[in-house]
Amino acid sequence: MGHGHIKRVIPLRLFGVVPIFELVVWTYLMSLFYLLFYESFLDQHITKKIWKPRMKYLTLMLLTLFLIFTIVIYKFQAPVIPYFYLIFGIIFILLPVLFEIFAYPKVFSRFAAAAAYFFYFSLIYEVTALKLNWWTFPGEEFIGWVSLFGVSFPFEELFFWMVLTAFAVLSMYEWYCDNEK
């Protein structure tokens, strides 16, 4: 059975493949989901506002990086960066997580609980998306492949996005908004 063409609200695609509008909306909603789950079930104190003035700096920095990246890709030829997925994951996901956990080790168990909860959903989403051909992983510059439930994806996808993304979002939230309480 074939998959019908999905009409996009905004057809702009990064590398001609990644739908930018959906990526931004999905990232925002998932980040909000992580924060709401964490604040509702795992954080040990009540935060009356999950958006504090320091968050505007994080938001501005992330949006600026995203815009620069998008402009470079579309205005100029996309630079070829070997093992980009690995490098990106280390810099923007692993390093903030390690900083937070080493600086404030008491948050690890709460972050791990959130990460375990969201790992299940991320894995289901990944397998479903790959089976429906929502995305693929072309190229060879991955450190390894994981095969589960009839699909294969890079190890980086498993490690950075399924295991560490909740850790990373919560680390940035604690640093910029919740003050590691």
N, C-alpha and C. Protein backbone atom coordinates (compact mmCIF):
# COMPACT_ATOMS: atom_id res chain seq x y z
N MET A 1 0.85 -1.17 0.00
CA MET A 1 0.00 0.00 0.00
C MET A 1 0.89 1.23 0.00
N GLY A 2 0.66 2.14 -0.90
CA GLY A 2 1.48 3.35 -1.01
C GLY A 2 1.05 4.41 -0.02
N HIS A 3 1.92 5.34 0.19
CA HIS A 3 1.63 6.45 1.09
C HIS A 3 1.31 7.67 0.23
N GLY A 4 0.18 8.31 0.50
CA GLY A 4 -0.21 9.48 -0.25
C GLY A 4 0.70 10.65 0.02
N HIS A 5 0.68 11.61 -0.89
CA HIS A 5 1.50 12.81 -0.72
C HIS A 5 0.90 13.65 0.40
N ILE A 6 1.74 14.08 1.32
CA ILE A 6 1.29 14.93 2.41
C ILE A 6 1.46 16.37 1.99
N LYS A 7 0.35 17.13 1.98
CA LYS A 7 0.44 18.54 1.63
C LYS A 7 0.90 19.32 2.85
N ARG A 8 1.96 20.06 2.70
CA ARG A 8 2.56 20.82 3.78
C ARG A 8 1.97 22.23 3.82
N VAL A 9 1.79 22.76 5.02
CA VAL A 9 1.31 24.12 5.18
C VAL A 9 2.34 25.09 4.63
N ILE A 10 3.59 24.89 5.01
CA ILE A 10 4.70 25.69 4.49
C ILE A 10 5.69 24.69 3.90
N PRO A 11 5.82 24.64 2.58
CA PRO A 11 6.61 23.58 1.93
C PRO A 11 8.12 23.74 2.01
N LEU A 12 8.64 24.76 2.70
CA LEU A 12 10.08 24.98 2.81
C LEU A 12 10.71 23.79 3.54
N ARG A 13 11.75 23.20 2.89
CA ARG A 13 12.39 22.02 3.46
C ARG A 13 13.90 22.24 3.55
N LEU A 14 14.46 21.88 4.67
CA LEU A 14 15.89 21.94 4.89
C LEU A 14 16.55 20.79 4.15
N PHE A 15 17.56 21.06 3.36
CA PHE A 15 18.23 20.07 2.52
C PHE A 15 17.27 19.44 1.52
N GLY A 16 16.11 20.09 1.29
CA GLY A 16 15.12 19.53 0.39
C GLY A 16 14.39 18.34 0.99
N VAL A 17 14.61 18.06 2.28
CA VAL A 17 14.04 16.87 2.90
C VAL A 17 13.27 17.20 4.18
N VAL A 18 13.87 17.94 5.10
CA VAL A 18 13.28 18.17 6.42
C VAL A 18 12.30 19.34 6.37
N PRO A 19 11.02 19.10 6.67
CA PRO A 19 10.04 20.18 6.66
C PRO A 19 10.28 21.12 7.85
N ILE A 20 10.74 22.32 7.56
CA ILE A 20 11.15 23.26 8.60
C ILE A 20 10.00 23.65 9.51
N PHE A 21 8.85 24.01 8.94
CA PHE A 21 7.72 24.45 9.76
C PHE A 21 7.33 23.37 10.76
N GLU A 22 7.17 22.15 10.27
CA GLU A 22 6.78 21.06 11.16
C GLU A 22 7.86 20.79 12.21
N LEU A 23 9.12 20.93 11.82
CA LEU A 23 10.23 20.72 12.76
C LEU A 23 10.18 21.73 13.90
N VAL A 24 9.95 23.00 13.57
CA VAL A 24 9.90 24.04 14.60
C VAL A 24 8.70 23.83 15.52
N VAL A 25 7.54 23.57 14.95
CA VAL A 25 6.34 23.35 15.76
C VAL A 25 6.51 22.10 16.63
N TRP A 26 7.00 21.01 16.05
CA TRP A 26 7.20 19.77 16.81
C TRP A 26 8.20 20.00 17.95
N THR A 27 9.30 20.70 17.67
CA THR A 27 10.31 20.95 18.70
C THR A 27 9.71 21.75 19.86
N TYR A 28 8.97 22.77 19.54
CA TYR A 28 8.33 23.58 20.58
C TYR A 28 7.37 22.75 21.42
N LEU A 29 6.49 22.01 20.76
CA LEU A 29 5.49 21.23 21.49
C LEU A 29 6.12 20.12 22.32
N MET A 30 7.12 19.44 21.79
CA MET A 30 7.78 18.38 22.56
C MET A 30 8.52 18.97 23.75
N SER A 31 9.18 20.11 23.55
CA SER A 31 9.88 20.75 24.68
C SER A 31 8.89 21.14 25.77
N LEU A 32 7.76 21.67 25.36
CA LEU A 32 6.71 22.02 26.32
C LEU A 32 6.20 20.77 27.04
N PHE A 33 6.03 19.67 26.31
CA PHE A 33 5.59 18.41 26.90
C PHE A 33 6.60 17.92 27.94
N TYR A 34 7.90 17.98 27.63
CA TYR A 34 8.93 17.59 28.60
C TYR A 34 8.81 18.44 29.86
N LEU A 35 8.69 19.75 29.69
CA LEU A 35 8.63 20.65 30.84
C LEU A 35 7.38 20.44 31.68
N LEU A 36 6.24 20.27 31.03
CA LEU A 36 5.01 20.06 31.78
C LEU A 36 5.04 18.75 32.55
N PHE A 37 5.55 17.70 31.93
CA PHE A 37 5.67 16.40 32.61
C PHE A 37 6.61 16.54 33.82
N TYR A 38 7.77 17.15 33.60
CA TYR A 38 8.77 17.32 34.65
C TYR A 38 8.20 18.14 35.81
N GLU A 39 7.61 19.27 35.51
CA GLU A 39 7.06 20.13 36.56
C GLU A 39 5.89 19.47 37.29
N SER A 40 5.08 18.71 36.57
CA SER A 40 3.90 18.11 37.18
C SER A 40 4.21 16.88 38.03
N PHE A 41 5.19 16.07 37.60
CA PHE A 41 5.40 14.79 38.26
C PHE A 41 6.74 14.59 38.94
N LEU A 42 7.77 15.35 38.56
CA LEU A 42 9.11 15.02 39.04
C LEU A 42 9.81 16.12 39.82
N ASP A 43 9.52 17.37 39.53
CA ASP A 43 10.21 18.45 40.22
C ASP A 43 9.72 18.49 41.66
N GLN A 44 10.62 18.78 42.58
CA GLN A 44 10.31 18.70 44.00
C GLN A 44 9.80 20.02 44.58
N HIS A 45 9.69 21.02 43.79
CA HIS A 45 9.13 22.29 44.26
C HIS A 45 8.18 22.82 43.18
N ILE A 46 7.34 23.70 43.58
CA ILE A 46 6.36 24.26 42.65
C ILE A 46 6.97 25.49 41.99
N THR A 47 6.96 25.49 40.68
CA THR A 47 7.40 26.64 39.91
C THR A 47 6.13 27.31 39.37
N LYS A 48 5.93 28.54 39.78
CA LYS A 48 4.70 29.21 39.38
C LYS A 48 4.70 29.63 37.93
N LYS A 49 5.87 29.93 37.41
CA LYS A 49 6.00 30.32 36.01
C LYS A 49 7.13 29.52 35.39
N ILE A 50 6.85 28.81 34.27
CA ILE A 50 7.93 28.08 33.63
C ILE A 50 8.64 28.93 32.58
N TRP A 51 8.21 30.16 32.42
CA TRP A 51 8.88 31.08 31.50
C TRP A 51 9.33 32.28 32.31
N LYS A 52 10.62 32.36 32.54
CA LYS A 52 11.19 33.47 33.28
C LYS A 52 12.02 34.32 32.32
N PRO A 53 12.37 35.52 32.70
CA PRO A 53 13.11 36.42 31.79
C PRO A 53 14.38 35.81 31.20
N ARG A 54 15.08 34.97 31.93
CA ARG A 54 16.31 34.37 31.39
C ARG A 54 16.03 33.47 30.19
N MET A 55 14.81 32.94 30.09
CA MET A 55 14.46 32.06 28.98
C MET A 55 14.50 32.80 27.64
N LYS A 56 14.27 34.13 27.67
CA LYS A 56 14.31 34.86 26.40
C LYS A 56 15.69 34.79 25.78
N TYR A 57 16.74 34.73 26.61
CA TYR A 57 18.10 34.63 26.08
C TYR A 57 18.34 33.27 25.43
N LEU A 58 17.87 32.22 26.04
CA LEU A 58 17.99 30.88 25.45
C LEU A 58 17.20 30.82 24.15
N THR A 59 15.98 31.31 24.17
CA THR A 59 15.13 31.29 22.98
C THR A 59 15.76 32.11 21.86
N LEU A 60 16.25 33.28 22.18
CA LEU A 60 16.88 34.13 21.17
C LEU A 60 18.12 33.45 20.59
N MET A 61 18.93 32.83 21.45
CA MET A 61 20.14 32.15 20.99
C MET A 61 19.78 30.98 20.06
N LEU A 62 18.80 30.17 20.46
CA LEU A 62 18.41 29.01 19.64
C LEU A 62 17.80 29.44 18.32
N LEU A 63 16.94 30.44 18.34
CA LEU A 63 16.34 30.93 17.09
C LEU A 63 17.39 31.53 16.17
N THR A 64 18.34 32.27 16.73
CA THR A 64 19.41 32.86 15.92
C THR A 64 20.24 31.76 15.26
N LEU A 65 20.63 30.75 16.03
CA LEU A 65 21.39 29.63 15.46
C LEU A 65 20.61 28.93 14.35
N PHE A 66 19.33 28.72 14.59
CA PHE A 66 18.48 28.07 13.59
C PHE A 66 18.39 28.92 12.32
N LEU A 67 18.19 30.22 12.46
CA LEU A 67 18.09 31.10 11.30
C LEU A 67 19.40 31.16 10.53
N ILE A 68 20.51 31.28 11.24
CA ILE A 68 21.81 31.30 10.57
C ILE A 68 22.03 30.01 9.80
N PHE A 69 21.75 28.90 10.43
CA PHE A 69 21.90 27.59 9.80
C PHE A 69 21.02 27.49 8.55
N THR A 70 19.77 27.90 8.66
CA THR A 70 18.84 27.83 7.54
C THR A 70 19.27 28.75 6.40
N ILE A 71 19.70 29.96 6.72
CA ILE A 71 20.14 30.91 5.69
C ILE A 71 21.38 30.38 4.98
N VAL A 72 22.33 29.86 5.73
CA VAL A 72 23.55 29.31 5.11
C VAL A 72 23.19 28.18 4.16
N ILE A 73 22.27 27.32 4.57
CA ILE A 73 21.88 26.17 3.74
C ILE A 73 21.21 26.64 2.45
N TYR A 74 20.30 27.62 2.54
CA TYR A 74 19.54 28.03 1.37
C TYR A 74 20.20 29.11 0.53
N LYS A 75 20.97 29.96 1.14
CA LYS A 75 21.59 31.05 0.39
C LYS A 75 22.89 30.59 -0.28
N PHE A 76 23.59 29.73 0.39
CA PHE A 76 24.88 29.24 -0.11
C PHE A 76 24.79 27.73 -0.25
N GLN A 77 25.79 27.15 -0.77
CA GLN A 77 25.81 25.69 -0.84
C GLN A 77 26.04 25.15 0.56
N ALA A 78 25.29 24.13 0.91
CA ALA A 78 25.41 23.54 2.24
C ALA A 78 26.83 22.99 2.43
N PRO A 79 27.49 23.43 3.51
CA PRO A 79 28.83 22.89 3.75
C PRO A 79 28.76 21.41 4.11
N VAL A 80 29.73 20.67 3.66
CA VAL A 80 29.78 19.25 3.99
C VAL A 80 30.63 19.11 5.25
N ILE A 81 30.00 18.68 6.31
CA ILE A 81 30.68 18.50 7.58
C ILE A 81 30.63 17.01 7.92
N PRO A 82 31.79 16.35 7.87
CA PRO A 82 31.80 14.92 8.19
C PRO A 82 31.25 14.66 9.61
N TYR A 83 30.43 13.67 9.72
CA TYR A 83 29.83 13.27 11.00
C TYR A 83 29.11 14.44 11.68
N PHE A 84 28.38 15.22 10.91
CA PHE A 84 27.66 16.38 11.43
C PHE A 84 26.70 15.99 12.55
N TYR A 85 25.97 14.91 12.37
CA TYR A 85 24.97 14.47 13.35
C TYR A 85 25.65 14.21 14.70
N LEU A 86 26.78 13.57 14.69
CA LEU A 86 27.53 13.28 15.91
C LEU A 86 28.05 14.57 16.55
N ILE A 87 28.64 15.44 15.75
CA ILE A 87 29.19 16.69 16.26
C ILE A 87 28.09 17.57 16.84
N PHE A 88 26.98 17.71 16.12
CA PHE A 88 25.84 18.49 16.58
C PHE A 88 25.32 17.94 17.91
N GLY A 89 25.17 16.63 17.98
CA GLY A 89 24.66 15.99 19.21
C GLY A 89 25.57 16.19 20.40
N ILE A 90 26.86 16.11 20.18
CA ILE A 90 27.81 16.32 21.28
C ILE A 90 27.74 17.75 21.79
N ILE A 91 27.77 18.72 20.87
CA ILE A 91 27.82 20.13 21.26
C ILE A 91 26.51 20.61 21.87
N PHE A 92 25.38 20.31 21.22
CA PHE A 92 24.11 20.90 21.65
C PHE A 92 23.26 20.01 22.55
N ILE A 93 23.63 18.76 22.70
CA ILE A 93 22.84 17.89 23.57
C ILE A 93 23.70 17.31 24.70
N LEU A 94 24.76 16.61 24.36
CA LEU A 94 25.56 15.93 25.38
C LEU A 94 26.25 16.92 26.33
N LEU A 95 26.90 17.96 25.81
CA LEU A 95 27.63 18.89 26.68
C LEU A 95 26.72 19.61 27.68
N PRO A 96 25.56 20.16 27.28
CA PRO A 96 24.69 20.77 28.28
C PRO A 96 24.21 19.77 29.34
N VAL A 97 23.95 18.54 28.92
CA VAL A 97 23.52 17.51 29.87
C VAL A 97 24.63 17.21 30.87
N LEU A 98 25.84 16.99 30.37
CA LEU A 98 26.96 16.69 31.27
C LEU A 98 27.23 17.85 32.22
N PHE A 99 27.18 19.07 31.70
CA PHE A 99 27.40 20.23 32.56
C PHE A 99 26.38 20.25 33.70
N GLU A 100 25.14 20.09 33.38
CA GLU A 100 24.07 20.15 34.38
C GLU A 100 24.21 19.03 35.41
N ILE A 101 24.46 17.83 34.93
CA ILE A 101 24.53 16.69 35.84
C ILE A 101 25.75 16.76 36.76
N PHE A 102 26.90 17.21 36.23
CA PHE A 102 28.08 17.32 37.08
C PHE A 102 27.97 18.52 38.03
N ALA A 103 27.37 19.60 37.57
CA ALA A 103 27.22 20.78 38.42
C ALA A 103 26.13 20.58 39.48
N TYR A 104 25.09 19.86 39.14
CA TYR A 104 23.95 19.66 40.04
C TYR A 104 23.52 18.18 40.00
N PRO A 105 24.29 17.30 40.62
CA PRO A 105 24.01 15.87 40.50
C PRO A 105 22.64 15.44 41.05
N LYS A 106 22.06 16.23 41.92
CA LYS A 106 20.76 15.85 42.49
C LYS A 106 19.64 15.81 41.44
N VAL A 107 19.83 16.46 40.29
CA VAL A 107 18.78 16.46 39.27
C VAL A 107 18.81 15.20 38.41
N PHE A 108 19.88 14.42 38.48
CA PHE A 108 20.03 13.27 37.59
C PHE A 108 18.86 12.30 37.68
N SER A 109 18.45 11.92 38.88
CA SER A 109 17.38 10.91 39.00
C SER A 109 16.07 11.42 38.42
N ARG A 110 15.78 12.70 38.61
CA ARG A 110 14.54 13.26 38.04
C ARG A 110 14.62 13.32 36.52
N PHE A 111 15.77 13.75 36.01
CA PHE A 111 15.96 13.81 34.57
C PHE A 111 15.89 12.41 33.96
N ALA A 112 16.49 11.44 34.64
CA ALA A 112 16.49 10.05 34.14
C ALA A 112 15.07 9.49 34.09
N ALA A 113 14.26 9.82 35.08
CA ALA A 113 12.87 9.37 35.09
C ALA A 113 12.11 9.95 33.90
N ALA A 114 12.31 11.24 33.64
CA ALA A 114 11.66 11.88 32.49
C ALA A 114 12.17 11.28 31.19
N ALA A 115 13.46 11.07 31.09
CA ALA A 115 14.05 10.51 29.87
C ALA A 115 13.52 9.11 29.62
N ALA A 116 13.39 8.31 30.66
CA ALA A 116 12.86 6.94 30.50
C ALA A 116 11.41 6.99 30.00
N TYR A 117 10.63 7.88 30.57
CA TYR A 117 9.23 8.03 30.15
C TYR A 117 9.14 8.41 28.68
N PHE A 118 9.95 9.39 28.26
CA PHE A 118 9.87 9.87 26.88
C PHE A 118 10.60 8.97 25.89
N PHE A 119 11.51 8.15 26.35
CA PHE A 119 12.19 7.21 25.46
C PHE A 119 11.17 6.29 24.78
N TYR A 120 10.24 5.80 25.53
CA TYR A 120 9.20 4.92 25.01
C TYR A 120 8.45 5.59 23.85
N PHE A 121 8.01 6.82 24.05
CA PHE A 121 7.28 7.54 23.01
C PHE A 121 8.17 7.86 21.81
N SER A 122 9.40 8.24 22.09
CA SER A 122 10.33 8.56 21.00
C SER A 122 10.62 7.35 20.13
N LEU A 123 10.78 6.20 20.75
CA LEU A 123 11.05 4.98 20.00
C LEU A 123 9.84 4.60 19.13
N ILE A 124 8.66 4.68 19.69
CA ILE A 124 7.44 4.38 18.92
C ILE A 124 7.30 5.36 17.75
N TYR A 125 7.54 6.62 18.02
CA TYR A 125 7.44 7.65 16.99
C TYR A 125 8.46 7.40 15.88
N GLU A 126 9.69 7.08 16.26
CA GLU A 126 10.75 6.83 15.28
C GLU A 126 10.42 5.64 14.39
N VAL A 127 10.03 4.54 15.00
CA VAL A 127 9.71 3.34 14.23
C VAL A 127 8.53 3.61 13.30
N THR A 128 7.51 4.26 13.80
CA THR A 128 6.33 4.57 12.98
C THR A 128 6.72 5.49 11.82
N ALA A 129 7.48 6.54 12.10
CA ALA A 129 7.88 7.48 11.06
C ALA A 129 8.72 6.81 9.98
N LEU A 130 9.62 5.94 10.38
CA LEU A 130 10.44 5.24 9.39
C LEU A 130 9.62 4.25 8.57
N LYS A 131 8.69 3.56 9.21
CA LYS A 131 7.84 2.63 8.46
C LYS A 131 6.93 3.36 7.47
N LEU A 132 6.52 4.58 7.82
CA LEU A 132 5.66 5.37 6.93
C LEU A 132 6.46 6.26 5.96
N ASN A 133 7.78 6.11 5.99
CA ASN A 133 8.66 6.90 5.12
C ASN A 133 8.54 8.40 5.34
N TRP A 134 8.31 8.83 6.58
CA TRP A 134 8.26 10.26 6.88
C TRP A 134 9.65 10.86 6.77
N TRP A 135 10.67 10.06 7.05
CA TRP A 135 12.04 10.50 6.87
C TRP A 135 12.95 9.30 6.69
N THR A 136 14.14 9.58 6.22
CA THR A 136 15.14 8.54 6.03
C THR A 136 16.47 9.08 6.52
N PHE A 137 17.47 8.24 6.52
CA PHE A 137 18.81 8.64 6.93
C PHE A 137 19.78 8.30 5.81
N PRO A 138 19.82 9.17 4.79
CA PRO A 138 20.76 8.92 3.70
C PRO A 138 22.19 9.21 4.17
N GLY A 139 23.13 8.70 3.49
CA GLY A 139 24.51 8.97 3.83
C GLY A 139 25.13 7.82 4.60
N GLU A 140 26.41 7.97 4.81
CA GLU A 140 27.19 6.92 5.46
C GLU A 140 27.89 7.39 6.73
N GLU A 141 27.83 8.66 7.02
CA GLU A 141 28.63 9.20 8.11
C GLU A 141 27.90 9.15 9.45
N PHE A 142 27.67 7.94 9.89
CA PHE A 142 27.09 7.69 11.21
C PHE A 142 28.02 6.72 11.91
N ILE A 143 28.03 6.74 13.22
CA ILE A 143 28.97 5.87 13.93
C ILE A 143 28.47 4.43 14.04
N GLY A 144 27.22 4.20 13.70
CA GLY A 144 26.67 2.85 13.73
C GLY A 144 25.18 2.89 13.45
N TRP A 145 24.60 1.71 13.30
CA TRP A 145 23.19 1.58 13.00
C TRP A 145 22.50 0.71 14.03
N VAL A 146 21.24 1.04 14.31
CA VAL A 146 20.40 0.26 15.21
C VAL A 146 19.25 -0.29 14.37
N SER A 147 19.00 -1.58 14.49
CA SER A 147 17.87 -2.20 13.78
C SER A 147 16.89 -2.75 14.80
N LEU A 148 15.67 -2.24 14.75
CA LEU A 148 14.60 -2.67 15.65
C LEU A 148 13.28 -2.68 14.90
N PHE A 149 12.49 -3.67 15.14
CA PHE A 149 11.12 -3.74 14.61
C PHE A 149 11.05 -3.51 13.10
N GLY A 150 12.05 -3.98 12.39
CA GLY A 150 12.03 -3.91 10.93
C GLY A 150 12.50 -2.61 10.33
N VAL A 151 13.06 -1.71 11.12
CA VAL A 151 13.61 -0.47 10.61
C VAL A 151 15.03 -0.29 11.14
N SER A 152 15.80 0.53 10.45
CA SER A 152 17.16 0.85 10.89
C SER A 152 17.34 2.35 10.94
N PHE A 153 18.09 2.81 11.93
CA PHE A 153 18.38 4.22 12.07
C PHE A 153 19.75 4.37 12.72
N PRO A 154 20.37 5.54 12.57
CA PRO A 154 21.71 5.73 13.12
C PRO A 154 21.73 5.64 14.65
N PHE A 155 22.86 5.19 15.17
CA PHE A 155 23.04 5.15 16.62
C PHE A 155 22.85 6.54 17.23
N GLU A 156 23.30 7.57 16.51
CA GLU A 156 23.15 8.94 17.00
C GLU A 156 21.69 9.30 17.24
N GLU A 157 20.81 8.80 16.39
CA GLU A 157 19.38 9.05 16.56
C GLU A 157 18.90 8.45 17.89
N LEU A 158 19.32 7.24 18.16
CA LEU A 158 18.96 6.58 19.41
C LEU A 158 19.54 7.34 20.60
N PHE A 159 20.83 7.58 20.58
CA PHE A 159 21.52 8.16 21.73
C PHE A 159 21.13 9.61 21.99
N PHE A 160 21.24 10.46 20.98
CA PHE A 160 20.99 11.88 21.21
C PHE A 160 19.51 12.22 21.28
N TRP A 161 18.71 11.68 20.36
CA TRP A 161 17.31 12.11 20.29
C TRP A 161 16.39 11.30 21.16
N MET A 162 16.57 10.01 21.23
CA MET A 162 15.65 9.21 22.04
C MET A 162 16.06 9.15 23.51
N VAL A 163 17.36 9.09 23.78
CA VAL A 163 17.82 8.96 25.17
C VAL A 163 18.08 10.32 25.81
N LEU A 164 18.77 11.21 25.13
CA LEU A 164 19.26 12.43 25.78
C LEU A 164 18.45 13.71 25.55
N THR A 165 17.50 13.73 24.64
CA THR A 165 16.80 14.98 24.38
C THR A 165 16.04 15.49 25.59
N ALA A 166 15.34 14.63 26.30
CA ALA A 166 14.64 15.08 27.51
C ALA A 166 15.64 15.62 28.52
N PHE A 167 16.78 14.93 28.68
CA PHE A 167 17.84 15.43 29.57
C PHE A 167 18.28 16.83 29.14
N ALA A 168 18.49 17.03 27.84
CA ALA A 168 18.99 18.31 27.33
C ALA A 168 17.98 19.44 27.55
N VAL A 169 16.73 19.19 27.21
CA VAL A 169 15.69 20.22 27.39
C VAL A 169 15.56 20.58 28.86
N LEU A 170 15.55 19.57 29.72
CA LEU A 170 15.42 19.84 31.15
C LEU A 170 16.66 20.52 31.72
N SER A 171 17.83 20.19 31.19
CA SER A 171 19.06 20.85 31.63
C SER A 171 19.01 22.34 31.30
N MET A 172 18.60 22.66 30.08
CA MET A 172 18.51 24.06 29.68
C MET A 172 17.43 24.78 30.48
N TYR A 173 16.35 24.10 30.73
CA TYR A 173 15.27 24.67 31.54
C TYR A 173 15.77 24.98 32.95
N GLU A 174 16.43 24.03 33.58
CA GLU A 174 16.95 24.25 34.93
C GLU A 174 17.95 25.40 34.93
N TRP A 175 18.83 25.45 33.96
CA TRP A 175 19.85 26.48 33.92
C TRP A 175 19.25 27.86 33.68
N TYR A 176 18.34 27.97 32.72
CA TYR A 176 17.83 29.28 32.33
C TYR A 176 16.59 29.72 33.08
N CYS A 177 15.89 28.81 33.73
CA CYS A 177 14.61 29.21 34.31
C CYS A 177 14.41 28.75 35.75
N ASP A 178 14.78 27.54 36.08
CA ASP A 178 14.40 26.97 37.37
C ASP A 178 15.50 27.06 38.42
N ASN A 179 16.68 27.48 38.04
CA ASN A 179 17.80 27.70 38.96
C ASN A 179 18.21 26.48 39.77
N GLU A 180 18.11 25.30 39.18
CA GLU A 180 18.59 24.04 39.77
C GLU A 180 18.06 23.79 41.18
N LYS A 181 16.83 24.13 41.44
CA LYS A 181 16.25 23.91 42.78
C LYS A 181 15.86 22.47 42.96
